[in-house]
Amino acid sequence: MKRGHCLCGSVKFEYEGPENFRGHCHCDSCRRQTASPFTTFMGVPDGKWRWTGVEPSVYVSSPGKKRYFCPTCGAPAAFTDTGQPGEIHFYAALLNDPQDFEPTHHFHWEERLHWAAPIDDLIKKEG
């Protein structure tokens, strides 16, 4: 079982089993939501995860896209997209032990900030 929580510890989640993906997202929306050059997610299948603390607040950032965040500290917690049904995307940095996490992909590579683009051998996907 893997567990994680927001900055203040109010919003908590847990999941079991393998993730659908592990990767860095470079899209403009994720950068703006996290105030960082890119963010790192894992896709967890529905039915394999649950909230274990306070339910997060939800912001609909565009049609079909929901961003979950802590109502107390404001920390982002997760993301869902109707274009990617059947899973939730948790932020890897919220894991209790993020050192065990290793991304395999870059998503929206064409939107990366050139001054902060990682130099690695991970798969780079556009769009």
C-alpha atoms as a PDB file:
ATOM      1  CA  MET A   1       0.000   0.000   0.000  1.00  0.00           C
ATOM      2  CA  LYS A   2       1.359   3.420  -0.940  1.00  0.00           C
ATOM      3  CA  ARG A   3       0.224   6.495   0.946  1.00  0.00           C
ATOM      4  CA  GLY A   4       0.557  10.237   0.630  1.00  0.00           C
ATOM      5  CA  HIS A   5      -0.724  13.516   2.040  1.00  0.00           C
ATOM      6  CA  CYS A   6      -0.845  17.271   1.461  1.00  0.00           C
ATOM      7  CA  LEU A   7       1.336  19.863   3.201  1.00  0.00           C
ATOM      8  CA  CYS A   8      -0.803  20.099   6.354  1.00  0.00           C
ATOM      9  CA  GLY A   9      -1.709  16.387   6.391  1.00  0.00           C
ATOM     10  CA  SER A  10      -5.477  16.897   6.111  1.00  0.00           C
ATOM     11  CA  VAL A  11      -5.947  15.408   2.629  1.00  0.00           C
ATOM     12  CA  LYS A  12      -4.584  11.870   2.552  1.00  0.00           C
ATOM     13  CA  PHE A  13      -4.761   9.104  -0.025  1.00  0.00           C
ATOM     14  CA  GLU A  14      -3.643   5.536  -0.442  1.00  0.00           C
ATOM     15  CA  TYR A  15      -3.468   3.079  -3.306  1.00  0.00           C
ATOM     16  CA  GLU A  16      -2.291  -0.400  -4.058  1.00  0.00           C
ATOM     17  CA  GLY A  17      -0.967  -2.175  -7.092  1.00  0.00           C
ATOM     18  CA  PRO A  18       0.957  -0.898 -10.063  1.00  0.00           C
ATOM     19  CA  GLU A  19       0.360   2.540 -11.533  1.00  0.00           C
ATOM     20  CA  ASN A  20      -0.863   3.014 -15.111  1.00  0.00           C
ATOM     21  CA  PHE A  21       2.016   5.431 -15.715  1.00  0.00           C
ATOM     22  CA  ARG A  22       4.668   7.465 -13.927  1.00  0.00           C
ATOM     23  CA  GLY A  23       5.778  10.695 -15.501  1.00  0.00           C
ATOM     24  CA  HIS A  24       6.602  14.377 -15.544  1.00  0.00           C
ATOM     25  CA  CYS A  25       4.001  16.723 -17.047  1.00  0.00           C
ATOM     26  CA  HIS A  26       5.242  19.911 -18.714  1.00  0.00           C
ATOM     27  CA  CYS A  27       1.869  21.356 -19.783  1.00  0.00           C
ATOM     28  CA  ASP A  28       1.082  24.997 -19.063  1.00  0.00           C
ATOM     29  CA  SER A  29      -1.911  24.130 -16.847  1.00  0.00           C
ATOM     30  CA  CYS A  30       0.065  21.835 -14.547  1.00  0.00           C
ATOM     31  CA  ARG A  31       2.910  24.361 -14.318  1.00  0.00           C
ATOM     32  CA  ARG A  32       0.513  27.117 -13.329  1.00  0.00           C
ATOM     33  CA  GLN A  33      -1.354  24.984 -10.807  1.00  0.00           C
ATOM     34  CA  THR A  34       1.816  23.888  -9.038  1.00  0.00           C
ATOM     35  CA  ALA A  35       3.916  27.036  -9.649  1.00  0.00           C
ATOM     36  CA  SER A  36       6.737  24.794 -10.831  1.00  0.00           C
ATOM     37  CA  PRO A  37       8.491  24.166 -14.171  1.00  0.00           C
ATOM     38  CA  PHE A  38       6.907  20.702 -14.367  1.00  0.00           C
ATOM     39  CA  THR A  39       5.104  18.325 -12.054  1.00  0.00           C
ATOM     40  CA  THR A  40       5.289  14.592 -11.573  1.00  0.00           C
ATOM     41  CA  PHE A  41       2.260  12.317 -11.509  1.00  0.00           C
ATOM     42  CA  MET A  42       1.329   8.696 -11.327  1.00  0.00           C
ATOM     43  CA  GLY A  43      -1.898   7.389 -12.871  1.00  0.00           C
ATOM     44  CA  VAL A  44      -3.737   5.082 -10.467  1.00  0.00           C
ATOM     45  CA  PRO A  45      -6.653   2.926 -11.671  1.00  0.00           C
ATOM     46  CA  ASP A  46     -10.068   3.640 -10.181  1.00  0.00           C
ATOM     47  CA  GLY A  47     -10.982   1.046  -7.568  1.00  0.00           C
ATOM     48  CA  LYS A  48      -7.345   0.822  -6.397  1.00  0.00           C
ATOM     49  CA  TRP A  49      -7.227   4.098  -4.463  1.00  0.00           C
ATOM     50  CA  ARG A  50      -9.158   6.025  -1.819  1.00  0.00           C
ATOM     51  CA  TRP A  51      -9.098   9.251   0.165  1.00  0.00           C
ATOM     52  CA  THR A  52      -8.224   8.500   3.803  1.00  0.00           C
ATOM     53  CA  GLY A  53      -8.329  12.007   5.265  1.00  0.00           C
ATOM     54  CA  VAL A  54     -10.390  15.080   4.527  1.00  0.00           C
ATOM     55  CA  GLU A  55     -11.969  15.015   1.067  1.00  0.00           C
ATOM     56  CA  PRO A  56     -10.199  17.536  -1.153  1.00  0.00           C
ATOM     57  CA  SER A  57     -11.832  20.550  -2.729  1.00  0.00           C
ATOM     58  CA  VAL A  58     -12.252  20.451  -6.512  1.00  0.00           C
ATOM     59  CA  TYR A  59     -11.556  23.075  -9.150  1.00  0.00           C
ATOM     60  CA  VAL A  60     -12.758  22.443 -12.718  1.00  0.00           C
ATOM     61  CA  SER A  61      -9.880  23.988 -14.660  1.00  0.00           C
ATOM     62  CA  SER A  62     -11.394  23.345 -18.105  1.00  0.00           C
ATOM     63  CA  PRO A  63     -14.165  21.104 -19.462  1.00  0.00           C
ATOM     64  CA  GLY A  64     -13.642  17.548 -18.204  1.00  0.00           C
ATOM     65  CA  LYS A  65     -10.571  18.391 -16.114  1.00  0.00           C
ATOM     66  CA  LYS A  66     -10.723  18.471 -12.312  1.00  0.00           C
ATOM     67  CA  ARG A  67      -7.939  19.504  -9.989  1.00  0.00           C
ATOM     68  CA  TYR A  68      -8.180  18.350  -6.384  1.00  0.00           C
ATOM     69  CA  PHE A  69      -6.567  20.376  -3.599  1.00  0.00           C
ATOM     70  CA  CYS A  70      -6.529  20.660   0.174  1.00  0.00           C
ATOM     71  CA  PRO A  71      -9.192  23.046   1.504  1.00  0.00           C
ATOM     72  CA  THR A  72      -6.903  23.921   4.439  1.00  0.00           C
ATOM     73  CA  CYS A  73      -3.379  24.416   3.058  1.00  0.00           C
ATOM     74  CA  GLY A  74      -4.206  24.688  -0.666  1.00  0.00           C
ATOM     75  CA  ALA A  75      -1.714  22.045  -1.747  1.00  0.00           C
ATOM     76  CA  PRO A  76      -2.619  20.284  -5.006  1.00  0.00           C
ATOM     77  CA  ALA A  77      -3.429  16.611  -4.462  1.00  0.00           C
ATOM     78  CA  ALA A  78      -4.680  15.035  -7.694  1.00  0.00           C
ATOM     79  CA  PHE A  79      -6.027  15.520 -11.206  1.00  0.00           C
ATOM     80  CA  THR A  80      -8.675  13.751 -13.314  1.00  0.00           C
ATOM     81  CA  ASP A  81      -9.549  14.128 -16.984  1.00  0.00           C
ATOM     82  CA  THR A  82     -12.573  12.644 -18.761  1.00  0.00           C
ATOM     83  CA  GLY A  83     -10.202  12.140 -21.714  1.00  0.00           C
ATOM     84  CA  GLN A  84      -8.309   9.648 -19.529  1.00  0.00           C
ATOM     85  CA  PRO A  85     -11.161   7.743 -17.898  1.00  0.00           C
ATOM     86  CA  GLY A  86     -10.787   5.141 -15.184  1.00  0.00           C
ATOM     87  CA  GLU A  87      -7.878   6.688 -13.303  1.00  0.00           C
ATOM     88  CA  ILE A  88      -6.782   9.493 -11.039  1.00  0.00           C
ATOM     89  CA  HIS A  89      -3.396  11.212 -11.199  1.00  0.00           C
ATOM     90  CA  PHE A  90      -1.731  11.782  -7.835  1.00  0.00           C
ATOM     91  CA  TYR A  91       1.263  14.064  -7.375  1.00  0.00           C
ATOM     92  CA  ALA A  92       4.334  11.932  -6.732  1.00  0.00           C
ATOM     93  CA  ALA A  93       5.917  14.471  -4.367  1.00  0.00           C
ATOM     94  CA  LEU A  94       3.025  13.888  -1.920  1.00  0.00           C
ATOM     95  CA  LEU A  95       3.956  10.245  -1.371  1.00  0.00           C
ATOM     96  CA  ASN A  96       5.103   9.392   2.138  1.00  0.00           C
ATOM     97  CA  ASP A  97       8.226   7.907   0.536  1.00  0.00           C
ATOM     98  CA  PRO A  98       8.767   9.732  -2.771  1.00  0.00           C
ATOM     99  CA  GLN A  99      12.319   8.368  -3.029  1.00  0.00           C
ATOM    100  CA  ASP A 100      10.824   5.030  -4.132  1.00  0.00           C
ATOM    101  CA  PHE A 101       9.139   6.720  -7.106  1.00  0.00           C
ATOM    102  CA  GLU A 102      10.851   6.704 -10.483  1.00  0.00           C
ATOM    103  CA  PRO A 103       9.213   8.371 -13.513  1.00  0.00           C
ATOM    104  CA  THR A 104       9.426   6.770 -16.936  1.00  0.00           C
ATOM    105  CA  HIS A 105       8.036   9.488 -19.248  1.00  0.00           C
ATOM    106  CA  HIS A 106       7.829  13.188 -19.989  1.00  0.00           C
ATOM    107  CA  PHE A 107       4.383  14.336 -21.150  1.00  0.00           C
ATOM    108  CA  HIS A 108       3.675  17.481 -23.185  1.00  0.00           C
ATOM    109  CA  TRP A 109       7.388  17.736 -23.899  1.00  0.00           C
ATOM    110  CA  GLU A 110       6.715  20.433 -26.527  1.00  0.00           C
ATOM    111  CA  GLU A 111       5.474  22.744 -23.734  1.00  0.00           C
ATOM    112  CA  ARG A 112       8.566  22.363 -21.551  1.00  0.00           C
ATOM    113  CA  LEU A 113      10.380  25.410 -20.256  1.00  0.00           C
ATOM    114  CA  HIS A 114      13.774  25.256 -21.895  1.00  0.00           C
ATOM    115  CA  TRP A 115      15.471  26.799 -18.850  1.00  0.00           C
ATOM    116  CA  ALA A 116      14.236  23.935 -16.647  1.00  0.00           C
ATOM    117  CA  ALA A 117      14.020  20.943 -19.001  1.00  0.00           C
ATOM    118  CA  PRO A 118      15.489  17.808 -17.440  1.00  0.00           C
ATOM    119  CA  ILE A 119      18.288  16.094 -19.310  1.00  0.00           C
ATOM    120  CA  ASP A 120      17.600  12.366 -19.081  1.00  0.00           C
ATOM    121  CA  ASP A 121      16.818   9.306 -21.162  1.00  0.00           C
ATOM    122  CA  LEU A 122      13.107   9.085 -20.290  1.00  0.00           C
ATOM    123  CA  ILE A 123      10.569   8.699 -23.081  1.00  0.00           C
ATOM    124  CA  LYS A 124       9.424  12.117 -24.310  1.00  0.00           C
ATOM    125  CA  LYS A 125       5.818  12.367 -25.562  1.00  0.00           C
ATOM    126  CA  GLU A 126       4.202  15.365 -27.180  1.00  0.00           C
ATOM    127  CA  GLY A 127       0.544  16.283 -26.983  1.00  0.00           C
END
